[in-house]
C-alpha cells in the first residue's frame, strides 16, 4: 500500500501539478499500460 501511494503521488499527481495540466496525469497513468501491452504482445507474437 505505501508503494501504491508513492507511485500515485510522484508518478501521477506531481506531473499534473508541475505542468498545470490534466494531460500529464493522463499520460503518466496510461504510458505504463502501453509499455506492458507492447512487451506482452512482442513476447506472444514472437
PDB file of N, CA and C in Angstrom:
ATOM      1  N   UNK A   1       0.806  -1.198   0.000  1.00  0.00           N
ATOM      2  CA  UNK A   1       0.000   0.000   0.000  1.00  0.00           C
ATOM      3  C   UNK A   1       0.854   1.268   0.000  1.00  0.00           C
ATOM      4  N   UNK A   2       1.928   1.347   0.770  1.00  0.00           N
ATOM      5  CA  UNK A   2       2.761   2.554   0.698  1.00  0.00           C
ATOM      6  C   UNK A   2       3.371   2.765  -0.691  1.00  0.00           C
ATOM      7  N   UNK A   3       3.745   1.675  -1.362  1.00  0.00           N
ATOM      8  CA  UNK A   3       4.320   1.809  -2.703  1.00  0.00           C
ATOM      9  C   UNK A   3       3.284   2.375  -3.679  1.00  0.00           C
ATOM     10  N   UNK A   4       2.047   1.950  -3.558  1.00  0.00           N
ATOM     11  CA  UNK A   4       0.977   2.461  -4.412  1.00  0.00           C
ATOM     12  C   UNK A   4       0.732   3.940  -4.144  1.00  0.00           C
ATOM     13  N   UNK A   5       0.765   4.320  -2.891  1.00  0.00           N
ATOM     14  CA  UNK A   5       0.581   5.726  -2.540  1.00  0.00           C
ATOM     15  C   UNK A   5       1.699   6.581  -3.121  1.00  0.00           C
ATOM     16  N   UNK A   6       2.925   6.139  -2.969  1.00  0.00           N
ATOM     17  CA  UNK A   6       4.060   6.892  -3.504  1.00  0.00           C
ATOM     18  C   UNK A   6       4.013   6.964  -5.024  1.00  0.00           C
ATOM     19  N   UNK A   7       3.631   5.867  -5.663  1.00  0.00           N
ATOM     20  CA  UNK A   7       3.511   5.875  -7.124  1.00  0.00           C
ATOM     21  C   UNK A   7       2.434   6.851  -7.564  1.00  0.00           C
ATOM     22  N   UNK A   8       1.329   6.884  -6.866  1.00  0.00           N
ATOM     23  CA  UNK A   8       0.254   7.809  -7.216  1.00  0.00           C
ATOM     24  C   UNK A   8       0.648   9.255  -7.020  1.00  0.00           C
ATOM     25  N   UNK A   9       1.366   9.526  -5.941  1.00  0.00           N
ATOM     26  CA  UNK A   9       1.779  10.902  -5.668  1.00  0.00           C
ATOM     27  C   UNK A   9       2.839  11.387  -6.640  1.00  0.00           C
ATOM     28  N   UNK A  10       3.909  10.629  -6.759  1.00  0.00           N
ATOM     29  CA  UNK A  10       5.043  11.095  -7.554  1.00  0.00           C
ATOM     30  C   UNK A  10       4.932  10.732  -9.028  1.00  0.00           C
ATOM     31  N   UNK A  11       4.229   9.664  -9.322  1.00  0.00           N
ATOM     32  CA  UNK A  11       4.127   9.235 -10.712  1.00  0.00           C
ATOM     33  C   UNK A  11       2.998   9.889 -11.475  1.00  0.00           C
ATOM     34  N   UNK A  12       1.953  10.320 -10.769  1.00  0.00           N
ATOM     35  CA  UNK A  12       0.794  10.849 -11.480  1.00  0.00           C
ATOM     36  C   UNK A  12       0.382  12.232 -10.998  1.00  0.00           C
ATOM     37  N   UNK A  13       0.326  12.431  -9.710  1.00  0.00           N
ATOM     38  CA  UNK A  13      -0.148  13.716  -9.198  1.00  0.00           C
ATOM     39  C   UNK A  13       0.886  14.826  -9.385  1.00  0.00           C
ATOM     40  N   UNK A  14       2.148  14.523  -9.121  1.00  0.00           N
ATOM     41  CA  UNK A  14       3.168  15.567  -9.234  1.00  0.00           C
ATOM     42  C   UNK A  14       3.306  16.120 -10.657  1.00  0.00           C
ATOM     43  N   UNK A  15       3.384  15.263 -11.698  1.00  0.00           N
ATOM     44  CA  UNK A  15       3.478  15.839 -13.051  1.00  0.00           C
ATOM     45  C   UNK A  15       2.266  16.699 -13.409  1.00  0.00           C
ATOM     46  N   UNK A  16       1.090  16.319 -12.960  1.00  0.00           N
ATOM     47  CA  UNK A  16      -0.110  17.127 -13.236  1.00  0.00           C
ATOM     48  C   UNK A  16      -0.002  18.493 -12.579  1.00  0.00           C
ATOM     49  N   UNK A  17       0.456  18.509 -11.343  1.00  0.00           N
ATOM     50  CA  UNK A  17       0.605  19.775 -10.623  1.00  0.00           C
ATOM     51  C   UNK A  17       1.756  20.596 -11.202  1.00  0.00           C
ATOM     52  N   UNK A  18       2.835  19.925 -11.531  1.00  0.00           N
ATOM     53  CA  UNK A  18       4.039  20.612 -12.028  1.00  0.00           C
ATOM     54  C   UNK A  18       3.778  21.329 -13.342  1.00  0.00           C
ATOM     55  N   UNK A  19       3.097  20.671 -14.255  1.00  0.00           N
ATOM     56  CA  UNK A  19       2.841  21.248 -15.571  1.00  0.00           C
ATOM     57  C   UNK A  19       1.468  21.894 -15.683  1.00  0.00           C
ATOM     58  N   UNK A  20       0.719  21.893 -14.574  1.00  0.00           N
ATOM     59  CA  UNK A  20      -0.612  22.512 -14.544  1.00  0.00           C
ATOM     60  C   UNK A  20      -1.497  21.997 -15.681  1.00  0.00           C
ATOM     61  N   UNK A  21      -1.455  20.687 -15.880  1.00  0.00           N
ATOM     62  CA  UNK A  21      -2.212  20.104 -16.979  1.00  0.00           C
ATOM     63  C   UNK A  21      -2.721  18.723 -16.586  1.00  0.00           C
ATOM     64  N   UNK A  22      -3.972  18.500 -16.844  1.00  0.00           N
ATOM     65  CA  UNK A  22      -4.553  17.178 -16.606  1.00  0.00           C
ATOM     66  C   UNK A  22      -3.980  16.158 -17.575  1.00  0.00           C
ATOM     67  N   UNK A  23      -3.542  16.618 -18.742  1.00  0.00           N
ATOM     68  CA  UNK A  23      -2.993  15.712 -19.749  1.00  0.00           C
ATOM     69  C   UNK A  23      -1.752  14.989 -19.257  1.00  0.00           C
ATOM     70  N   UNK A  24      -0.951  15.649 -18.449  1.00  0.00           N
ATOM     71  CA  UNK A  24       0.245  14.983 -17.913  1.00  0.00           C
ATOM     72  C   UNK A  24      -0.149  13.831 -16.987  1.00  0.00           C
ATOM     73  N   UNK A  25      -1.196  14.000 -16.216  1.00  0.00           N
ATOM     74  CA  UNK A  25      -1.691  12.910 -15.382  1.00  0.00           C
ATOM     75  C   UNK A  25      -2.200  11.757 -16.221  1.00  0.00           C
ATOM     76  N   UNK A  26      -2.871  12.087 -17.302  1.00  0.00           N
ATOM     77  CA  UNK A  26      -3.354  11.046 -18.214  1.00  0.00           C
ATOM     78  C   UNK A  26      -2.197  10.290 -18.852  1.00  0.00           C
ATOM     79  N   UNK A  27      -1.191  11.017 -19.281  1.00  0.00           N
ATOM     80  CA  UNK A  27      -0.041  10.382 -19.936  1.00  0.00           C
ATOM     81  C   UNK A  27       0.707   9.491 -18.948  1.00  0.00           C
ATOM     82  N   UNK A  28       0.974   9.995 -17.744  1.00  0.00           N
ATOM     83  CA  UNK A  28       1.729   9.198 -16.778  1.00  0.00           C
ATOM     84  C   UNK A  28       0.913   8.022 -16.243  1.00  0.00           C
ATOM     85  N   UNK A  29      -0.387   8.088 -16.365  1.00  0.00           N
ATOM     86  CA  UNK A  29      -1.231   6.977 -15.935  1.00  0.00           C
ATOM     87  C   UNK A  29      -1.356   5.921 -17.031  1.00  0.00           C
ATOM     88  N   UNK A  30      -1.346   6.336 -18.292  1.00  0.00           N
ATOM     89  CA  UNK A  30      -1.589   5.445 -19.412  1.00  0.00           C
ATOM     90  C   UNK A  30      -0.321   4.849 -20.004  1.00  0.00           C
ATOM     91  N   UNK A  31       0.770   5.570 -19.987  1.00  0.00           N
ATOM     92  CA  UNK A  31       2.006   5.126 -20.621  1.00  0.00           C
ATOM     93  C   UNK A  31       2.503   3.769 -20.118  1.00  0.00           C
ATOM     94  N   UNK A  32       2.535   3.509 -18.821  1.00  0.00           N
ATOM     95  CA  UNK A  32       2.990   2.175 -18.378  1.00  0.00           C
ATOM     96  C   UNK A  32       2.120   1.036 -18.913  1.00  0.00           C
ATOM     97  N   UNK A  33       0.836   1.282 -19.077  1.00  0.00           N
ATOM     98  CA  UNK A  33      -0.047   0.244 -19.624  1.00  0.00           C
ATOM     99  C   UNK A  33       0.335  -0.080 -21.063  1.00  0.00           C
ATOM    100  N   UNK A  34       0.616   0.955 -21.844  1.00  0.00           N
ATOM    101  CA  UNK A  34       1.019   0.725 -23.233  1.00  0.00           C
ATOM    102  C   UNK A  34       2.360   0.000 -23.315  1.00  0.00           C
ATOM    103  N   UNK A  35       3.267   0.323 -22.421  1.00  0.00           N
ATOM    104  CA  UNK A  35       4.567  -0.351 -22.406  1.00  0.00           C
ATOM    105  C   UNK A  35       4.385  -1.828 -22.072  1.00  0.00           C
ATOM    106  N   UNK A  36       3.580  -2.126 -21.077  1.00  0.00           N
ATOM    107  CA  UNK A  36       3.349  -3.523 -20.694  1.00  0.00           C
ATOM    108  C   UNK A  36       2.644  -4.280 -21.814  1.00  0.00           C
ATOM    109  N   UNK A  37       1.647  -3.671 -22.427  1.00  0.00           N
ATOM    110  CA  UNK A  37       0.949  -4.322 -23.545  1.00  0.00           C
ATOM    111  C   UNK A  37       1.909  -4.588 -24.689  1.00  0.00           C
ATOM    112  N   UNK A  38       2.780  -3.632 -24.982  1.00  0.00           N
ATOM    113  CA  UNK A  38       3.769  -3.818 -26.043  1.00  0.00           C
ATOM    114  C   UNK A  38       4.728  -4.950 -25.737  1.00  0.00           C
ATOM    115  N   UNK A  39       5.182  -5.041 -24.498  1.00  0.00           N
ATOM    116  CA  UNK A  39       6.083  -6.124 -24.116  1.00  0.00           C
ATOM    117  C   UNK A  39       5.398  -7.487 -24.210  1.00  0.00           C
ATOM    118  N   UNK A  40       4.187  -7.566 -23.710  1.00  0.00           N
ATOM    119  CA  UNK A  40       3.454  -8.839 -23.751  1.00  0.00           C
ATOM    120  C   UNK A  40       3.172  -9.246 -25.198  1.00  0.00           C
ATOM    121  N   UNK A  41       2.742  -8.305 -26.010  1.00  0.00           N
ATOM    122  CA  UNK A  41       2.485  -8.628 -27.420  1.00  0.00           C
ATOM    123  C   UNK A  41       3.749  -9.075 -28.147  1.00  0.00           C
ATOM    124  N   UNK A  42       4.865  -8.428 -27.847  1.00  0.00           N
ATOM    125  CA  UNK A  42       6.104  -8.826 -28.503  1.00  0.00           C
ATOM    126  C   UNK A  42       6.522 -10.234 -28.102  1.00  0.00           C
ATOM    127  N   UNK A  43       6.222 -10.632 -26.871  1.00  0.00           N
ATOM    128  CA  UNK A  43       6.545 -11.992 -26.448  1.00  0.00           C
ATOM    129  C   UNK A  43       5.563 -13.018 -27.011  1.00  0.00           C
ATOM    130  N   UNK A  44       4.297 -12.645 -27.092  1.00  0.00           N
ATOM    131  CA  UNK A  44       3.282 -13.591 -27.573  1.00  0.00           C
ATOM    132  C   UNK A  44       3.368 -13.775 -29.077  1.00  0.00           C
ATOM    133  N   UNK A  45       3.602 -12.718 -29.804  1.00  0.00           N
ATOM    134  CA  UNK A  45       3.611 -12.776 -31.273  1.00  0.00           C
ATOM    135  C   UNK A  45       4.975 -13.165 -31.839  1.00  0.00           C
ATOM    136  N   UNK A  46       5.875 -13.548 -30.990  1.00  0.00           N
ATOM    137  CA  UNK A  46       7.231 -13.903 -31.417  1.00  0.00           C
ATOM    138  C   UNK A  46       7.279 -15.175 -32.206  1.00  0.00           C
TER     139      UNK A  46
END
